Amino acid sequence: MEITITAEAAGKINERTENREGYLKLKYDTDGCGCAVNGVIALWHVTELDDTDIAIETNDRTVYVEKSKMVFFDEQMKIDFSKATNCFQLKSPGQILNGHMSLILKEKTD
């Protein structure tokens, strides 16, 4: 799997995660979607990784993906930021996987 992060997206990620330690994760979120194959791809900033997270090196930083959810992603993807919609976007050469993706800051819970 190959992920590229545009300069616009990298700048917004830095701005929104400033002074926060953690990891950038592409999450296939199925909460409230009915079943495991119905989900929405989200961009999370997490303080801890799961044992099943796989590291994907990008042109900007490491992005993590759950191993069991890799089937829902394309082989080549780009994380971009749209100023027009003020949202992140996840694209591949053949499709837009999520055109209105927020960066969700997940805090550690005990």
C-alpha atoms as a PDB file:
ATOM      1  CA  MET A   1       0.000   0.000   0.000  1.00  0.00           C
ATOM      2  CA  GLU A   2       1.260   3.455  -0.932  1.00  0.00           C
ATOM      3  CA  ILE A   3      -0.016   6.677   0.642  1.00  0.00           C
ATOM      4  CA  THR A   4       0.970  10.193  -0.388  1.00  0.00           C
ATOM      5  CA  ILE A   5       0.139  13.256   1.717  1.00  0.00           C
ATOM      6  CA  THR A   6      -0.147  16.551  -0.154  1.00  0.00           C
ATOM      7  CA  ALA A   7       1.570  19.683   1.167  1.00  0.00           C
ATOM      8  CA  GLU A   8      -1.850  21.216   1.930  1.00  0.00           C
ATOM      9  CA  ALA A   9      -2.926  18.178   3.949  1.00  0.00           C
ATOM     10  CA  ALA A  10       0.405  17.969   5.787  1.00  0.00           C
ATOM     11  CA  GLY A  11       0.116  21.632   6.776  1.00  0.00           C
ATOM     12  CA  LYS A  12      -3.423  21.185   8.133  1.00  0.00           C
ATOM     13  CA  ILE A  13      -2.467  18.007   9.997  1.00  0.00           C
ATOM     14  CA  ASN A  14       0.437  19.853  11.632  1.00  0.00           C
ATOM     15  CA  GLU A  15      -1.810  22.790  12.498  1.00  0.00           C
ATOM     16  CA  ARG A  16      -4.516  20.639  14.081  1.00  0.00           C
ATOM     17  CA  THR A  17      -2.185  18.282  15.967  1.00  0.00           C
ATOM     18  CA  GLU A  18       0.282  20.935  17.151  1.00  0.00           C
ATOM     19  CA  ASN A  19       1.828  20.083  20.543  1.00  0.00           C
ATOM     20  CA  ARG A  20       0.012  16.722  20.656  1.00  0.00           C
ATOM     21  CA  GLU A  21       1.907  13.476  20.745  1.00  0.00           C
ATOM     22  CA  GLY A  22       0.403  10.609  18.831  1.00  0.00           C
ATOM     23  CA  TYR A  23      -0.034   8.762  15.582  1.00  0.00           C
ATOM     24  CA  LEU A  24      -1.953   9.405  12.385  1.00  0.00           C
ATOM     25  CA  LYS A  25      -4.323   6.570  11.534  1.00  0.00           C
ATOM     26  CA  LEU A  26      -6.689   5.831   8.662  1.00  0.00           C
ATOM     27  CA  LYS A  27      -9.598   4.173  10.416  1.00  0.00           C
ATOM     28  CA  TYR A  28     -12.323   2.165   8.720  1.00  0.00           C
ATOM     29  CA  ASP A  29     -15.037   3.186  11.171  1.00  0.00           C
ATOM     30  CA  THR A  30     -18.049   0.853  11.340  1.00  0.00           C
ATOM     31  CA  ASP A  31     -19.696   2.285  14.476  1.00  0.00           C
ATOM     32  CA  GLY A  32     -23.370   2.881  13.763  1.00  0.00           C
ATOM     33  CA  CYS A  33     -23.099   1.567  10.204  1.00  0.00           C
ATOM     34  CA  GLY A  34     -24.932  -1.732  10.701  1.00  0.00           C
ATOM     35  CA  CYS A  35     -22.253  -4.319   9.954  1.00  0.00           C
ATOM     36  CA  ALA A  36     -18.517  -4.760   9.501  1.00  0.00           C
ATOM     37  CA  VAL A  37     -18.558  -4.290   5.727  1.00  0.00           C
ATOM     38  CA  ASN A  38     -20.439  -0.987   5.917  1.00  0.00           C
ATOM     39  CA  GLY A  39     -18.151   1.746   7.140  1.00  0.00           C
ATOM     40  CA  VAL A  40     -16.656   5.159   6.598  1.00  0.00           C
ATOM     41  CA  ILE A  41     -12.972   5.881   6.271  1.00  0.00           C
ATOM     42  CA  ALA A  42     -11.876   8.456   8.834  1.00  0.00           C
ATOM     43  CA  LEU A  43      -8.612  10.186   9.689  1.00  0.00           C
ATOM     44  CA  TRP A  44      -7.751   9.838  13.366  1.00  0.00           C
ATOM     45  CA  HIS A  45      -4.944  11.176  15.524  1.00  0.00           C
ATOM     46  CA  VAL A  46      -4.533   8.633  18.330  1.00  0.00           C
ATOM     47  CA  THR A  47      -2.330   8.526  21.415  1.00  0.00           C
ATOM     48  CA  GLU A  48      -1.923   4.739  21.325  1.00  0.00           C
ATOM     49  CA  LEU A  49      -1.755   2.146  18.573  1.00  0.00           C
ATOM     50  CA  ASP A  50      -3.483  -1.214  18.492  1.00  0.00           C
ATOM     51  CA  ASP A  51      -1.449  -4.424  18.196  1.00  0.00           C
ATOM     52  CA  THR A  52      -2.934  -5.023  14.751  1.00  0.00           C
ATOM     53  CA  ASP A  53      -2.025  -1.619  13.260  1.00  0.00           C
ATOM     54  CA  ILE A  54       0.307  -1.707  10.258  1.00  0.00           C
ATOM     55  CA  ALA A  55       2.738   1.156   9.610  1.00  0.00           C
ATOM     56  CA  ILE A  56       2.647   2.682   6.120  1.00  0.00           C
ATOM     57  CA  GLU A  57       5.524   5.035   5.341  1.00  0.00           C
ATOM     58  CA  THR A  58       4.493   8.090   3.329  1.00  0.00           C
ATOM     59  CA  ASN A  59       6.284  11.075   1.857  1.00  0.00           C
ATOM     60  CA  ASP A  60       5.482  13.059   5.029  1.00  0.00           C
ATOM     61  CA  ARG A  61       4.927  10.820   8.074  1.00  0.00           C
ATOM     62  CA  THR A  62       3.957   7.292   9.027  1.00  0.00           C
ATOM     63  CA  VAL A  63       0.250   6.486   8.737  1.00  0.00           C
ATOM     64  CA  TYR A  64      -1.235   3.451  10.480  1.00  0.00           C
ATOM     65  CA  VAL A  65      -3.997   1.169   9.206  1.00  0.00           C
ATOM     66  CA  GLU A  66      -5.689  -1.748  10.952  1.00  0.00           C
ATOM     67  CA  LYS A  67      -4.429  -4.946   9.311  1.00  0.00           C
ATOM     68  CA  SER A  68      -7.902  -6.520   9.139  1.00  0.00           C
ATOM     69  CA  LYS A  69      -9.335  -3.423   7.427  1.00  0.00           C
ATOM     70  CA  MET A  70      -6.713  -3.075   4.682  1.00  0.00           C
ATOM     71  CA  VAL A  71      -9.089  -4.780   2.239  1.00  0.00           C
ATOM     72  CA  PHE A  72     -11.259  -1.626   2.276  1.00  0.00           C
ATOM     73  CA  PHE A  73      -8.412   0.589   1.022  1.00  0.00           C
ATOM     74  CA  ASP A  74      -6.855   0.926  -2.439  1.00  0.00           C
ATOM     75  CA  GLU A  75      -3.241   0.114  -3.260  1.00  0.00           C
ATOM     76  CA  GLN A  76      -2.383   3.752  -4.077  1.00  0.00           C
ATOM     77  CA  MET A  77      -4.016   6.585  -2.129  1.00  0.00           C
ATOM     78  CA  LYS A  78      -3.555  10.285  -1.514  1.00  0.00           C
ATOM     79  CA  ILE A  79      -4.561  12.290   1.549  1.00  0.00           C
ATOM     80  CA  ASP A  80      -5.408  15.796   0.392  1.00  0.00           C
ATOM     81  CA  PHE A  81      -7.070  18.861   1.892  1.00  0.00           C
ATOM     82  CA  SER A  82      -9.795  20.867   0.162  1.00  0.00           C
ATOM     83  CA  LYS A  83      -9.915  24.548   1.076  1.00  0.00           C
ATOM     84  CA  ALA A  84     -13.341  24.811  -0.586  1.00  0.00           C
ATOM     85  CA  THR A  85     -14.936  22.292   1.792  1.00  0.00           C
ATOM     86  CA  ASN A  86     -12.437  22.662   4.667  1.00  0.00           C
ATOM     87  CA  CYS A  87     -12.123  18.859   4.770  1.00  0.00           C
ATOM     88  CA  PHE A  88      -9.514  16.219   4.207  1.00  0.00           C
ATOM     89  CA  GLN A  89     -10.017  13.891   1.261  1.00  0.00           C
ATOM     90  CA  LEU A  90      -8.814  10.344   0.634  1.00  0.00           C
ATOM     91  CA  LYS A  91      -8.435   9.607  -3.068  1.00  0.00           C
ATOM     92  CA  SER A  92      -7.069   6.849  -5.248  1.00  0.00           C
ATOM     93  CA  PRO A  93      -6.469   6.906  -9.007  1.00  0.00           C
ATOM     94  CA  GLY A  94      -9.878   5.295  -9.568  1.00  0.00           C
ATOM     95  CA  GLN A  95     -12.133   6.843  -6.928  1.00  0.00           C
ATOM     96  CA  ILE A  96     -12.669   9.180  -4.007  1.00  0.00           C
ATOM     97  CA  LEU A  97     -12.776   6.991  -0.902  1.00  0.00           C
ATOM     98  CA  ASN A  98     -13.916   9.860   1.347  1.00  0.00           C
ATOM     99  CA  GLY A  99     -14.323  13.406   0.065  1.00  0.00           C
ATOM    100  CA  HIS A 100     -15.342  14.957   3.394  1.00  0.00           C
ATOM    101  CA  MET A 101     -13.004  13.483   5.983  1.00  0.00           C
ATOM    102  CA  SER A 102     -12.418  15.231   9.305  1.00  0.00           C
ATOM    103  CA  LEU A 103      -9.329  14.796  11.439  1.00  0.00           C
ATOM    104  CA  ILE A 104     -10.615  13.338  14.699  1.00  0.00           C
ATOM    105  CA  LEU A 105      -8.397  13.840  17.739  1.00  0.00           C
ATOM    106  CA  LYS A 106      -8.759  10.744  19.927  1.00  0.00           C
ATOM    107  CA  GLU A 107      -7.625  11.213  23.502  1.00  0.00           C
ATOM    108  CA  LYS A 108      -6.404   8.408  25.723  1.00  0.00           C
ATOM    109  CA  THR A 109      -9.155   6.903  27.854  1.00  0.00           C
ATOM    110  CA  ASP A 110      -8.533   4.852  30.976  1.00  0.00           C
END
